[in-house]
């Protein structure tokens, strides 16, 4: 019998890995303290993990950075990996743990197929 076990239930978590540089640190700091968000700082990366949903609000991040604006290109530059359903909007990136929670954004059909 194998010592490894598979668990196919949802973790109800989503997250991203950010570069551990000045911008990545500020983004993680903006997320720190938000409900159900965990920040893990490692030498070369920062993990931002959340329960059910994570919202990266570009206006909030730009303000913390002291920038006029922050956008998709800026976020993509500091993000290396993610898990969960990522929805990219004009003013934010939203991470969903479960596809049904993102249904309205990703055209995920919740109809039962018989």
C-alpha atoms as a PDB file:
ATOM      1  CA  UNK A   1       0.000   0.000   0.000  1.00  0.00           C
ATOM      2  CA  UNK A   2       1.278   3.464  -0.910  1.00  0.00           C
ATOM      3  CA  UNK A   3       2.027   6.045   1.763  1.00  0.00           C
ATOM      4  CA  UNK A   4       0.703   8.766  -0.566  1.00  0.00           C
ATOM      5  CA  UNK A   5      -2.980   9.599  -0.438  1.00  0.00           C
ATOM      6  CA  UNK A   6      -5.086  11.556  -2.898  1.00  0.00           C
ATOM      7  CA  UNK A   7      -7.763  13.970  -1.720  1.00  0.00           C
ATOM      8  CA  UNK A   8     -10.032  15.227  -4.499  1.00  0.00           C
ATOM      9  CA  UNK A   9     -12.071  17.614  -2.343  1.00  0.00           C
ATOM     10  CA  UNK A  10     -11.730  21.350  -2.854  1.00  0.00           C
ATOM     11  CA  UNK A  11      -9.266  23.201  -0.645  1.00  0.00           C
ATOM     12  CA  UNK A  12     -11.384  26.358  -1.035  1.00  0.00           C
ATOM     13  CA  UNK A  13      -8.129  28.249  -1.505  1.00  0.00           C
ATOM     14  CA  UNK A  14      -6.594  30.355  -4.251  1.00  0.00           C
ATOM     15  CA  UNK A  15      -3.307  32.166  -4.393  1.00  0.00           C
ATOM     16  CA  UNK A  16      -0.387  33.700  -6.209  1.00  0.00           C
ATOM     17  CA  UNK A  17       3.374  33.729  -5.957  1.00  0.00           C
ATOM     18  CA  UNK A  18       4.874  37.200  -6.230  1.00  0.00           C
ATOM     19  CA  UNK A  19       8.476  38.239  -6.787  1.00  0.00           C
ATOM     20  CA  UNK A  20      10.118  39.275  -3.526  1.00  0.00           C
ATOM     21  CA  UNK A  21      11.131  42.701  -4.781  1.00  0.00           C
ATOM     22  CA  UNK A  22      10.011  46.210  -3.846  1.00  0.00           C
ATOM     23  CA  UNK A  23       6.746  46.075  -5.805  1.00  0.00           C
ATOM     24  CA  UNK A  24       5.888  42.506  -4.811  1.00  0.00           C
ATOM     25  CA  UNK A  25       6.498  43.359  -1.166  1.00  0.00           C
ATOM     26  CA  UNK A  26       4.156  46.371  -1.319  1.00  0.00           C
ATOM     27  CA  UNK A  27       1.432  44.305  -3.018  1.00  0.00           C
ATOM     28  CA  UNK A  28       1.772  41.617  -0.323  1.00  0.00           C
ATOM     29  CA  UNK A  29       1.714  44.309   2.352  1.00  0.00           C
ATOM     30  CA  UNK A  30      -1.548  45.702   0.917  1.00  0.00           C
ATOM     31  CA  UNK A  31      -3.049  42.208   1.188  1.00  0.00           C
ATOM     32  CA  UNK A  32      -1.673  41.563   4.688  1.00  0.00           C
ATOM     33  CA  UNK A  33      -4.344  41.693   7.349  1.00  0.00           C
ATOM     34  CA  UNK A  34      -7.269  41.246   4.950  1.00  0.00           C
ATOM     35  CA  UNK A  35      -9.823  38.672   5.996  1.00  0.00           C
ATOM     36  CA  UNK A  36      -8.801  35.071   5.188  1.00  0.00           C
ATOM     37  CA  UNK A  37      -5.506  36.102   3.523  1.00  0.00           C
ATOM     38  CA  UNK A  38      -2.171  34.545   4.517  1.00  0.00           C
ATOM     39  CA  UNK A  39       1.172  36.043   3.478  1.00  0.00           C
ATOM     40  CA  UNK A  40       4.275  33.838   3.489  1.00  0.00           C
ATOM     41  CA  UNK A  41       7.585  35.597   2.805  1.00  0.00           C
ATOM     42  CA  UNK A  42      10.368  33.430   1.416  1.00  0.00           C
ATOM     43  CA  UNK A  43      13.844  34.472   0.243  1.00  0.00           C
ATOM     44  CA  UNK A  44      12.974  34.796  -3.441  1.00  0.00           C
ATOM     45  CA  UNK A  45       9.178  34.914  -3.452  1.00  0.00           C
ATOM     46  CA  UNK A  46       6.095  35.894  -1.496  1.00  0.00           C
ATOM     47  CA  UNK A  47       3.021  33.668  -1.314  1.00  0.00           C
ATOM     48  CA  UNK A  48      -0.396  35.297  -1.061  1.00  0.00           C
ATOM     49  CA  UNK A  49      -3.010  32.654  -0.253  1.00  0.00           C
ATOM     50  CA  UNK A  50      -6.674  33.176   0.483  1.00  0.00           C
ATOM     51  CA  UNK A  51      -9.864  31.344   1.295  1.00  0.00           C
ATOM     52  CA  UNK A  52     -12.527  31.317  -1.451  1.00  0.00           C
ATOM     53  CA  UNK A  53     -11.600  34.631  -3.157  1.00  0.00           C
ATOM     54  CA  UNK A  54      -8.788  37.165  -3.331  1.00  0.00           C
ATOM     55  CA  UNK A  55      -9.192  40.651  -4.821  1.00  0.00           C
ATOM     56  CA  UNK A  56      -6.089  42.573  -5.893  1.00  0.00           C
ATOM     57  CA  UNK A  57      -7.497  46.098  -6.239  1.00  0.00           C
ATOM     58  CA  UNK A  58      -5.240  48.101  -8.559  1.00  0.00           C
ATOM     59  CA  UNK A  59      -6.259  51.504  -7.152  1.00  0.00           C
ATOM     60  CA  UNK A  60      -5.422  50.393  -3.621  1.00  0.00           C
ATOM     61  CA  UNK A  61      -2.071  48.980  -4.775  1.00  0.00           C
ATOM     62  CA  UNK A  62      -1.182  52.115  -6.790  1.00  0.00           C
ATOM     63  CA  UNK A  63      -1.887  54.286  -3.756  1.00  0.00           C
ATOM     64  CA  UNK A  64       0.355  52.139  -1.538  1.00  0.00           C
ATOM     65  CA  UNK A  65       3.138  52.300  -4.134  1.00  0.00           C
ATOM     66  CA  UNK A  66       2.755  56.053  -4.606  1.00  0.00           C
ATOM     67  CA  UNK A  67       2.117  55.483  -8.309  1.00  0.00           C
ATOM     68  CA  UNK A  68      -0.421  57.231 -10.491  1.00  0.00           C
ATOM     69  CA  UNK A  69      -1.769  53.866 -11.590  1.00  0.00           C
ATOM     70  CA  UNK A  70      -1.092  50.143 -11.398  1.00  0.00           C
ATOM     71  CA  UNK A  71      -2.444  47.726 -13.985  1.00  0.00           C
ATOM     72  CA  UNK A  72      -2.465  44.272 -15.501  1.00  0.00           C
ATOM     73  CA  UNK A  73       1.027  44.571 -16.966  1.00  0.00           C
ATOM     74  CA  UNK A  74       2.432  45.613 -13.592  1.00  0.00           C
ATOM     75  CA  UNK A  75       0.716  42.688 -11.863  1.00  0.00           C
ATOM     76  CA  UNK A  76       1.883  40.173 -14.477  1.00  0.00           C
ATOM     77  CA  UNK A  77       5.452  41.427 -14.094  1.00  0.00           C
ATOM     78  CA  UNK A  78       5.605  40.522 -10.384  1.00  0.00           C
ATOM     79  CA  UNK A  79       3.435  37.367 -10.443  1.00  0.00           C
ATOM     80  CA  UNK A  80       5.107  34.093 -11.333  1.00  0.00           C
ATOM     81  CA  UNK A  81       2.455  31.441 -10.590  1.00  0.00           C
ATOM     82  CA  UNK A  82      -1.116  31.175  -9.390  1.00  0.00           C
ATOM     83  CA  UNK A  83      -3.673  28.569  -8.465  1.00  0.00           C
ATOM     84  CA  UNK A  84      -7.435  28.887  -8.628  1.00  0.00           C
ATOM     85  CA  UNK A  85      -9.439  30.649 -11.317  1.00  0.00           C
ATOM     86  CA  UNK A  86      -7.864  33.984 -12.191  1.00  0.00           C
ATOM     87  CA  UNK A  87     -10.152  36.653 -13.629  1.00  0.00           C
ATOM     88  CA  UNK A  88      -8.413  39.738 -14.988  1.00  0.00           C
ATOM     89  CA  UNK A  89     -10.551  42.868 -15.030  1.00  0.00           C
ATOM     90  CA  UNK A  90      -9.619  46.452 -15.901  1.00  0.00           C
ATOM     91  CA  UNK A  91      -9.334  47.556 -12.278  1.00  0.00           C
ATOM     92  CA  UNK A  92      -8.376  44.358 -10.462  1.00  0.00           C
ATOM     93  CA  UNK A  93      -7.396  40.703 -10.545  1.00  0.00           C
ATOM     94  CA  UNK A  94      -9.733  38.330  -8.752  1.00  0.00           C
ATOM     95  CA  UNK A  95      -8.716  34.813  -7.754  1.00  0.00           C
ATOM     96  CA  UNK A  96     -11.463  32.250  -7.092  1.00  0.00           C
ATOM     97  CA  UNK A  97     -10.903  28.921  -5.354  1.00  0.00           C
ATOM     98  CA  UNK A  98     -13.776  27.226  -7.153  1.00  0.00           C
ATOM     99  CA  UNK A  99     -14.834  27.631 -10.795  1.00  0.00           C
ATOM    100  CA  UNK A 100     -18.513  27.889  -9.899  1.00  0.00           C
ATOM    101  CA  UNK A 101     -17.748  31.035  -7.875  1.00  0.00           C
ATOM    102  CA  UNK A 102     -16.254  32.603 -11.008  1.00  0.00           C
ATOM    103  CA  UNK A 103     -19.076  31.396 -13.278  1.00  0.00           C
ATOM    104  CA  UNK A 104     -20.348  34.861 -14.214  1.00  0.00           C
ATOM    105  CA  UNK A 105     -16.853  35.913 -15.369  1.00  0.00           C
ATOM    106  CA  UNK A 106     -15.618  32.788 -17.161  1.00  0.00           C
ATOM    107  CA  UNK A 107     -18.813  31.606 -18.855  1.00  0.00           C
ATOM    108  CA  UNK A 108     -18.827  28.485 -16.693  1.00  0.00           C
ATOM    109  CA  UNK A 109     -22.130  26.687 -17.221  1.00  0.00           C
ATOM    110  CA  UNK A 110     -23.680  25.555 -13.957  1.00  0.00           C
ATOM    111  CA  UNK A 111     -26.453  23.638 -15.708  1.00  0.00           C
ATOM    112  CA  UNK A 112     -26.649  19.916 -15.015  1.00  0.00           C
ATOM    113  CA  UNK A 113     -26.020  17.901 -18.166  1.00  0.00           C
ATOM    114  CA  UNK A 114     -27.895  14.616 -18.315  1.00  0.00           C
END
